[in-house]
PDB file of N, CA and C in Angstrom:
ATOM      1  N   MET A   1      22.321 -17.750  15.616  1.00  0.00           N
ATOM      2  CA  MET A   1      22.202 -17.176  14.298  1.00  0.00           C
ATOM      3  C   MET A   1      23.142 -15.996  14.161  1.00  0.00           C
ATOM      4  N   SER A   2      23.562 -15.762  12.962  1.00  0.00           N
ATOM      5  CA  SER A   2      24.418 -14.611  12.710  1.00  0.00           C
ATOM      6  C   SER A   2      23.572 -13.353  12.626  1.00  0.00           C
ATOM      7  N   SER A   3      24.225 -12.217  12.495  1.00  0.00           N
ATOM      8  CA  SER A   3      23.500 -10.956  12.433  1.00  0.00           C
ATOM      9  C   SER A   3      22.735 -10.804  11.127  1.00  0.00           C
ATOM     10  N   LYS A   4      23.172 -11.500  10.098  1.00  0.00           N
ATOM     11  CA  LYS A   4      22.462 -11.458   8.823  1.00  0.00           C
ATOM     12  C   LYS A   4      21.293 -12.426   8.876  1.00  0.00           C
ATOM     13  N   LYS A   5      20.223 -12.076   8.175  1.00  0.00           N
ATOM     14  CA  LYS A   5      19.087 -12.983   8.109  1.00  0.00           C
ATOM     15  C   LYS A   5      19.460 -14.175   7.245  1.00  0.00           C
ATOM     16  N   LYS A   6      19.179 -15.340   7.760  1.00  0.00           N
ATOM     17  CA  LYS A   6      19.462 -16.533   6.980  1.00  0.00           C
ATOM     18  C   LYS A   6      18.286 -16.784   6.055  1.00  0.00           C
ATOM     19  N   LYS A   7      18.564 -16.912   4.788  1.00  0.00           N
ATOM     20  CA  LYS A   7      17.535 -17.126   3.779  1.00  0.00           C
ATOM     21  C   LYS A   7      17.733 -18.501   3.181  1.00  0.00           C
ATOM     22  N   ARG A   8      16.645 -19.253   3.145  1.00  0.00           N
ATOM     23  CA  ARG A   8      16.728 -20.573   2.546  1.00  0.00           C
ATOM     24  C   ARG A   8      16.812 -20.415   1.032  1.00  0.00           C
ATOM     25  N   THR A   9      17.721 -21.107   0.432  1.00  0.00           N
ATOM     26  CA  THR A   9      17.863 -21.052  -1.013  1.00  0.00           C
ATOM     27  C   THR A   9      17.449 -22.385  -1.593  1.00  0.00           C
ATOM     28  N   SER A  10      16.812 -22.310  -2.736  1.00  0.00           N
ATOM     29  CA  SER A  10      16.435 -23.547  -3.403  1.00  0.00           C
ATOM     30  C   SER A  10      17.644 -24.097  -4.141  1.00  0.00           C
ATOM     31  N   MET A  11      17.492 -25.287  -4.665  1.00  0.00           N
ATOM     32  CA  MET A  11      18.612 -25.907  -5.360  1.00  0.00           C
ATOM     33  C   MET A  11      18.998 -25.109  -6.607  1.00  0.00           C
ATOM     34  N   MET A  12      17.978 -24.543  -7.289  1.00  0.00           N
ATOM     35  CA  MET A  12      18.283 -23.793  -8.506  1.00  0.00           C
ATOM     36  C   MET A  12      19.063 -22.523  -8.193  1.00  0.00           C
ATOM     37  N   SER A  13      18.626 -21.791  -7.169  1.00  0.00           N
ATOM     38  CA  SER A  13      19.357 -20.564  -6.854  1.00  0.00           C
ATOM     39  C   SER A  13      20.707 -20.892  -6.235  1.00  0.00           C
ATOM     40  N   GLY A  14      20.789 -22.016  -5.568  1.00  0.00           N
ATOM     41  CA  GLY A  14      22.069 -22.437  -5.024  1.00  0.00           C
ATOM     42  C   GLY A  14      23.036 -22.830  -6.118  1.00  0.00           C
ATOM     43  N   ALA A  15      22.495 -23.269  -7.265  1.00  0.00           N
ATOM     44  CA  ALA A  15      23.335 -23.673  -8.385  1.00  0.00           C
ATOM     45  C   ALA A  15      23.746 -22.480  -9.247  1.00  0.00           C
ATOM     46  N   GLY A  16      23.249 -21.295  -8.923  1.00  0.00           N
ATOM     47  CA  GLY A  16      23.644 -20.111  -9.672  1.00  0.00           C
ATOM     48  C   GLY A  16      22.580 -19.598 -10.625  1.00  0.00           C
ATOM     49  N   LEU A  17      21.423 -20.263 -10.697  1.00  0.00           N
ATOM     50  CA  LEU A  17      20.350 -19.784 -11.555  1.00  0.00           C
ATOM     51  C   LEU A  17      19.592 -18.691 -10.819  1.00  0.00           C
ATOM     52  N   VAL A  18      19.326 -17.605 -11.509  1.00  0.00           N
ATOM     53  CA  VAL A  18      18.699 -16.450 -10.881  1.00  0.00           C
ATOM     54  C   VAL A  18      17.183 -16.591 -10.960  1.00  0.00           C
ATOM     55  N   ARG A  19      16.522 -16.187  -9.902  1.00  0.00           N
ATOM     56  CA  ARG A  19      15.064 -16.217  -9.875  1.00  0.00           C
ATOM     57  C   ARG A  19      14.560 -14.831 -10.278  1.00  0.00           C
ATOM     58  N   PHE A  20      14.223 -14.657 -11.544  1.00  0.00           N
ATOM     59  CA  PHE A  20      13.869 -13.345 -12.066  1.00  0.00           C
ATOM     60  C   PHE A  20      12.497 -12.877 -11.614  1.00  0.00           C
ATOM     61  N   PHE A  21      11.589 -13.797 -11.297  1.00  0.00           N
ATOM     62  CA  PHE A  21      10.234 -13.386 -10.985  1.00  0.00           C
ATOM     63  C   PHE A  21      10.142 -12.566  -9.704  1.00  0.00           C
ATOM     64  N   GLU A  22      11.149 -12.559  -8.882  1.00  0.00           N
ATOM     65  CA  GLU A  22      11.122 -11.765  -7.663  1.00  0.00           C
ATOM     66  C   GLU A  22      11.293 -10.278  -7.947  1.00  0.00           C
ATOM     67  N   GLU A  23      11.825  -9.917  -9.102  1.00  0.00           N
ATOM     68  CA  GLU A  23      12.107  -8.523  -9.406  1.00  0.00           C
ATOM     69  C   GLU A  23      11.147  -7.931 -10.429  1.00  0.00           C
ATOM     70  N   VAL A  24      10.101  -8.645 -10.778  1.00  0.00           N
ATOM     71  CA  VAL A  24       9.175  -8.184 -11.807  1.00  0.00           C
ATOM     72  C   VAL A  24       8.234  -7.148 -11.206  1.00  0.00           C
ATOM     73  N   GLU A  25       8.096  -6.028 -11.903  1.00  0.00           N
ATOM     74  CA  GLU A  25       7.163  -4.989 -11.488  1.00  0.00           C
ATOM     75  C   GLU A  25       5.994  -4.980 -12.454  1.00  0.00           C
ATOM     76  N   ALA A  26       4.820  -4.668 -11.963  1.00  0.00           N
ATOM     77  CA  ALA A  26       3.622  -4.650 -12.794  1.00  0.00           C
ATOM     78  C   ALA A  26       3.678  -3.463 -13.755  1.00  0.00           C
ATOM     79  N   LYS A  27       3.308  -3.704 -15.007  1.00  0.00           N
ATOM     80  CA  LYS A  27       3.275  -2.631 -16.002  1.00  0.00           C
ATOM     81  C   LYS A  27       1.987  -1.829 -15.872  1.00  0.00           C
ATOM     82  N   VAL A  28       0.870  -2.520 -15.612  1.00  0.00           N
ATOM     83  CA  VAL A  28      -0.426  -1.863 -15.510  1.00  0.00           C
ATOM     84  C   VAL A  28      -0.912  -1.995 -14.074  1.00  0.00           C
ATOM     85  N   SER A  29      -1.336  -0.889 -13.514  1.00  0.00           N
ATOM     86  CA  SER A  29      -1.839  -0.902 -12.147  1.00  0.00           C
ATOM     87  C   SER A  29      -3.313  -0.521 -12.152  1.00  0.00           C
ATOM     88  N   ILE A  30      -4.171  -1.434 -11.692  1.00  0.00           N
ATOM     89  CA  ILE A  30      -5.612  -1.197 -11.642  1.00  0.00           C
ATOM     90  C   ILE A  30      -6.053  -1.326 -10.190  1.00  0.00           C
ATOM     91  N   SER A  31      -6.781  -0.323  -9.724  1.00  0.00           N
ATOM     92  CA  SER A  31      -7.273  -0.376  -8.345  1.00  0.00           C
ATOM     93  C   SER A  31      -8.436  -1.367  -8.267  1.00  0.00           C
ATOM     94  N   PRO A  32      -8.738  -1.862  -7.090  1.00  0.00           N
ATOM     95  CA  PRO A  32      -9.863  -2.794  -6.949  1.00  0.00           C
ATOM     96  C   PRO A  32     -11.191  -2.181  -7.384  1.00  0.00           C
ATOM     97  N   TYR A  33     -11.381  -0.898  -7.142  1.00  0.00           N
ATOM     98  CA  TYR A  33     -12.618  -0.234  -7.547  1.00  0.00           C
ATOM     99  C   TYR A  33     -12.749  -0.191  -9.067  1.00  0.00           C
ATOM    100  N   GLN A  34     -11.657   0.063  -9.753  1.00  0.00           N
ATOM    101  CA  GLN A  34     -11.688   0.069 -11.213  1.00  0.00           C
ATOM    102  C   GLN A  34     -11.999  -1.323 -11.753  1.00  0.00           C
ATOM    103  N   LEU A  35     -11.454  -2.351 -11.130  1.00  0.00           N
ATOM    104  CA  LEU A  35     -11.702  -3.717 -11.567  1.00  0.00           C
ATOM    105  C   LEU A  35     -13.168  -4.097 -11.386  1.00  0.00           C
ATOM    106  N   ILE A  36     -13.760  -3.716 -10.269  1.00  0.00           N
ATOM    107  CA  ILE A  36     -15.178  -4.001 -10.034  1.00  0.00           C
ATOM    108  C   ILE A  36     -16.041  -3.236 -11.025  1.00  0.00           C
ATOM    109  N   PHE A  37     -15.693  -1.983 -11.304  1.00  0.00           N
ATOM    110  CA  PHE A  37     -16.444  -1.191 -12.278  1.00  0.00           C
ATOM    111  C   PHE A  37     -16.383  -1.827 -13.663  1.00  0.00           C
ATOM    112  N   ILE A  38     -15.223  -2.287 -14.071  1.00  0.00           N
ATOM    113  CA  ILE A  38     -15.070  -2.934 -15.376  1.00  0.00           C
ATOM    114  C   ILE A  38     -15.878  -4.226 -15.428  1.00  0.00           C
ATOM    115  N   ALA A  39     -15.885  -4.999 -14.341  1.00  0.00           N
ATOM    116  CA  ALA A  39     -16.645  -6.250 -14.303  1.00  0.00           C
ATOM    117  C   ALA A  39     -18.143  -5.984 -14.410  1.00  0.00           C
ATOM    118  N   ILE A  40     -18.631  -4.967 -13.695  1.00  0.00           N
ATOM    119  CA  ILE A  40     -20.055  -4.623 -13.767  1.00  0.00           C
ATOM    120  C   ILE A  40     -20.407  -4.115 -15.154  1.00  0.00           C
ATOM    121  N   LEU A  41     -19.556  -3.288 -15.721  1.00  0.00           N
ATOM    122  CA  LEU A  41     -19.785  -2.774 -17.070  1.00  0.00           C
ATOM    123  C   LEU A  41     -19.833  -3.913 -18.085  1.00  0.00           C
ATOM    124  N   PHE A  42     -18.948  -4.884 -17.945  1.00  0.00           N
ATOM    125  CA  PHE A  42     -18.925  -6.038 -18.841  1.00  0.00           C
ATOM    126  C   PHE A  42     -20.202  -6.865 -18.689  1.00  0.00           C
ATOM    127  N   ALA A  43     -20.656  -7.069 -17.453  1.00  0.00           N
ATOM    128  CA  ALA A  43     -21.877  -7.840 -17.220  1.00  0.00           C
ATOM    129  C   ALA A  43     -23.090  -7.139 -17.825  1.00  0.00           C
ATOM    130  N   VAL A  44     -23.165  -5.827 -17.671  1.00  0.00           N
ATOM    131  CA  VAL A  44     -24.276  -5.068 -18.253  1.00  0.00           C
ATOM    132  C   VAL A  44     -24.222  -5.142 -19.772  1.00  0.00           C
ATOM    133  N   ALA A  45     -23.043  -5.052 -20.348  1.00  0.00           N
ATOM    134  CA  ALA A  45     -22.910  -5.141 -21.804  1.00  0.00           C
ATOM    135  C   ALA A  45     -23.363  -6.507 -22.307  1.00  0.00           C
ATOM    136  N   VAL A  46     -23.031  -7.571 -21.591  1.00  0.00           N
ATOM    137  CA  VAL A  46     -23.460  -8.914 -21.994  1.00  0.00           C
ATOM    138  C   VAL A  46     -24.977  -9.030 -21.917  1.00  0.00           C
ATOM    139  N   LEU A  47     -25.577  -8.491 -20.862  1.00  0.00           N
ATOM    140  CA  LEU A  47     -27.035  -8.547 -20.734  1.00  0.00           C
ATOM    141  C   LEU A  47     -27.726  -7.750 -21.836  1.00  0.00           C
ATOM    142  N   VAL A  48     -27.218  -6.563 -22.139  1.00  0.00           N
ATOM    143  CA  VAL A  48     -27.816  -5.732 -23.190  1.00  0.00           C
ATOM    144  C   VAL A  48     -27.681  -6.411 -24.546  1.00  0.00           C
ATOM    145  N   LEU A  49     -26.516  -6.949 -24.844  1.00  0.00           N
ATOM    146  CA  LEU A  49     -26.336  -7.638 -26.125  1.00  0.00           C
ATOM    147  C   LEU A  49     -27.200  -8.892 -26.207  1.00  0.00           C
ATOM    148  N   GLY A  50     -27.383  -9.579 -25.110  1.00  0.00           N
ATOM    149  CA  GLY A  50     -28.261 -10.746 -25.091  1.00  0.00           C
ATOM    150  C   GLY A  50     -29.713 -10.363 -25.321  1.00  0.00           C
ATOM    151  N   TYR A  51     -30.103  -9.203 -24.843  1.00  0.00           N
ATOM    152  CA  TYR A  51     -31.464  -8.724 -25.051  1.00  0.00           C
ATOM    153  C   TYR A  51     -31.668  -8.250 -26.489  1.00  0.00           C
ATOM    154  N   LEU A  52     -30.685  -7.570 -27.059  1.00  0.00           N
ATOM    155  CA  LEU A  52     -30.811  -7.037 -28.412  1.00  0.00           C
ATOM    156  C   LEU A  52     -30.664  -8.114 -29.482  1.00  0.00           C
ATOM    157  N   ALA A  53     -29.830  -9.094 -29.251  1.00  0.00           N
ATOM    158  CA  ALA A  53     -29.595 -10.154 -30.239  1.00  0.00           C
ATOM    159  C   ALA A  53     -29.655 -11.507 -29.528  1.00  0.00           C
ATOM    160  N   PRO A  54     -30.879 -11.986 -29.257  1.00  0.00           N
ATOM    161  CA  PRO A  54     -30.993 -13.258 -28.532  1.00  0.00           C
ATOM    162  C   PRO A  54     -30.456 -14.429 -29.360  1.00  0.00           C
ATOM    163  N   VAL A  55     -29.883 -15.375 -28.674  1.00  0.00           N
ATOM    164  CA  VAL A  55     -29.321 -16.551 -29.331  1.00  0.00           C
ATOM    165  C   VAL A  55     -30.434 -17.562 -29.516  1.00  0.00           C
ATOM    166  N   LEU A  56     -30.595 -18.023 -30.743  1.00  0.00           N
ATOM    167  CA  LEU A  56     -31.625 -19.016 -31.039  1.00  0.00           C
ATOM    168  C   LEU A  56     -31.056 -20.401 -30.814  1.00  0.00           C
ATOM    169  N   VAL A  57     -31.644 -21.123 -29.868  1.00  0.00           N
ATOM    170  CA  VAL A  57     -31.190 -22.472 -29.567  1.00  0.00           C
ATOM    171  C   VAL A  57     -32.195 -23.443 -30.162  1.00  0.00           C
ATOM    172  N   PRO A  58     -31.757 -24.350 -31.046  1.00  0.00           N
ATOM    173  CA  PRO A  58     -32.711 -25.291 -31.681  1.00  0.00           C
ATOM    174  C   PRO A  58     -33.243 -26.312 -30.712  1.00  0.00           C
TER     175      PRO A  58
END
């Protein structure tokens, strides 16, 4: 092997098409703790709304 790392290229990148998704940076960053808090808050809101306005099933 040469001193440079050999990288396998797909046919598209070999043909000159650029793979843009490799350079995408996230616009919004949410920590795992924030995500769990939001999920719990959403679940509690659904339960409270279900208690306050029950759905009538015929």
